[in-house]
Amino acid sequence: MTDLIHAQENKLVDRLNVIYLLSIIGGVSSTLLNHHELLDILFIISSVVHFKNDFPFKNKYLQMISSSVFISQLGHINLTWFFAYMFQITICGLETLLINIGLNLSHIFLV
């Protein structure tokens, strides 16, 4: 849902539809061709790329590294912590969370 809202706000709905269509075609194709490992790899990569925007660092590499670490740890994270992350980071923003716990790191975040 947030993808659609973001796409509408930035006039990128056509691009989002192409991404969705390619995802469906890729998923069905890899299943029909019995390439489940490829589908898993593509899912991990797309998750890293998707979640990188949840880490609002100015440095794009730091965004990608943070997202990669996050995705790699999902199998070890308690669901309560994951839901807390989803609410606080994606809805309220990471910078708000850090300020709420007394850390002001605005010099490394987008402002």
Protein backbone atom coordinates (compact mmCIF):
# COMPACT_ATOMS: atom_id res chain seq x y z
CA MET A 1 0.00 0.00 0.00
CA THR A 2 2.79 2.44 0.84
CA ASP A 3 4.38 1.66 -2.54
CA LEU A 4 1.22 2.78 -4.31
CA ILE A 5 0.90 5.94 -2.22
CA HIS A 6 4.56 6.80 -2.85
CA ALA A 7 4.15 6.10 -6.57
CA GLN A 8 1.05 8.32 -6.78
CA GLU A 9 2.74 11.16 -4.92
CA ASN A 10 5.78 11.00 -7.23
CA LYS A 11 3.87 10.24 -10.44
CA LEU A 12 5.50 6.81 -10.76
CA VAL A 13 2.42 4.57 -10.95
CA ASP A 14 3.30 3.32 -14.46
CA ARG A 15 6.79 2.34 -13.31
CA LEU A 16 5.33 0.58 -10.27
CA ASN A 17 2.93 -1.36 -12.49
CA VAL A 18 5.85 -2.50 -14.67
CA ILE A 19 7.72 -3.66 -11.56
CA TYR A 20 4.67 -5.58 -10.37
CA LEU A 21 4.16 -7.15 -13.80
CA LEU A 22 7.82 -8.19 -14.07
CA SER A 23 7.65 -9.64 -10.57
CA ILE A 24 4.64 -11.74 -11.47
CA ILE A 25 6.17 -12.91 -14.75
CA GLY A 26 9.48 -13.71 -13.02
CA GLY A 27 7.78 -15.60 -10.23
CA VAL A 28 5.58 -17.67 -12.50
CA SER A 29 8.43 -18.35 -14.95
CA SER A 30 10.88 -19.49 -12.29
CA THR A 31 8.22 -21.72 -10.76
CA LEU A 32 7.28 -23.27 -14.10
CA LEU A 33 10.96 -23.81 -14.94
CA ASN A 34 11.56 -25.26 -11.48
CA HIS A 35 14.13 -22.60 -10.51
CA HIS A 36 13.00 -22.01 -6.94
CA GLU A 37 16.51 -20.97 -5.82
CA LEU A 38 16.49 -18.16 -8.37
CA LEU A 39 13.15 -16.97 -7.05
CA ASP A 40 14.51 -16.98 -3.49
CA ILE A 41 17.58 -14.98 -4.53
CA LEU A 42 15.50 -12.44 -6.45
CA PHE A 43 13.17 -12.07 -3.47
CA ILE A 44 16.09 -11.37 -1.12
CA ILE A 45 17.63 -8.84 -3.51
CA SER A 46 14.33 -7.06 -4.09
CA SER A 47 13.71 -6.96 -0.31
CA VAL A 48 17.11 -5.35 0.27
CA VAL A 49 16.44 -2.76 -2.43
CA HIS A 50 12.92 -2.11 -1.10
CA PHE A 51 13.90 -1.71 2.55
CA LYS A 52 16.94 0.49 1.84
CA ASN A 53 14.61 3.50 1.79
CA ASP A 54 13.64 2.75 5.40
CA PHE A 55 17.17 3.70 6.44
CA PRO A 56 17.29 7.43 5.73
CA PHE A 57 21.05 7.85 5.72
CA LYS A 58 22.57 10.35 3.32
CA ASN A 59 25.06 7.72 2.16
CA LYS A 60 23.46 5.29 -0.34
CA TYR A 61 26.00 2.57 0.53
CA LEU A 62 25.10 2.86 4.21
CA GLN A 63 21.43 2.51 3.26
CA MET A 64 22.15 -0.67 1.29
CA ILE A 65 24.38 -2.15 3.99
CA SER A 66 21.81 -1.41 6.70
CA SER A 67 19.06 -2.97 4.62
CA SER A 68 21.19 -6.04 3.87
CA VAL A 69 21.97 -6.59 7.54
CA PHE A 70 18.31 -6.11 8.44
CA ILE A 71 17.11 -8.63 5.84
CA SER A 72 19.81 -11.13 6.81
CA GLN A 73 18.66 -11.02 10.43
CA LEU A 74 14.91 -11.41 9.87
CA GLY A 75 15.05 -15.13 10.58
CA HIS A 76 16.48 -14.38 14.02
CA ILE A 77 14.23 -11.48 15.03
CA ASN A 78 11.29 -11.95 17.37
CA LEU A 79 8.03 -10.95 15.66
CA THR A 80 7.32 -8.39 18.38
CA TRP A 81 10.56 -6.59 17.49
CA PHE A 82 9.77 -6.84 13.78
CA PHE A 83 6.31 -5.28 14.27
CA ALA A 84 7.86 -2.55 16.43
CA TYR A 85 10.32 -1.87 13.61
CA MET A 86 7.57 -1.81 10.99
CA PHE A 87 5.53 0.66 13.01
CA GLN A 88 8.28 2.93 14.29
CA ILE A 89 10.63 3.02 11.31
CA THR A 90 8.29 2.84 8.36
CA ILE A 91 5.51 4.97 9.83
CA CYS A 92 7.26 7.36 12.20
CA GLY A 93 10.79 7.31 10.78
CA LEU A 94 14.14 6.24 12.17
CA GLU A 95 15.22 9.76 13.04
CA THR A 96 12.09 10.25 15.17
CA LEU A 97 12.86 7.02 17.03
CA LEU A 98 16.43 8.09 17.75
CA ILE A 99 15.34 11.54 18.92
CA ASN A 100 12.73 9.92 21.18
CA ILE A 101 15.45 7.88 22.87
CA GLY A 102 17.70 10.91 23.22
CA LEU A 103 19.97 10.61 20.19
CA ASN A 104 20.08 13.43 17.68
CA LEU A 105 22.05 12.21 14.69
CA SER A 106 20.56 14.57 12.11
CA HIS A 107 23.98 15.17 10.58
CA ILE A 108 23.93 11.68 9.02
CA PHE A 109 20.24 11.56 8.11
CA LEU A 110 18.38 13.19 5.27
CA VAL A 111 16.67 16.32 6.49
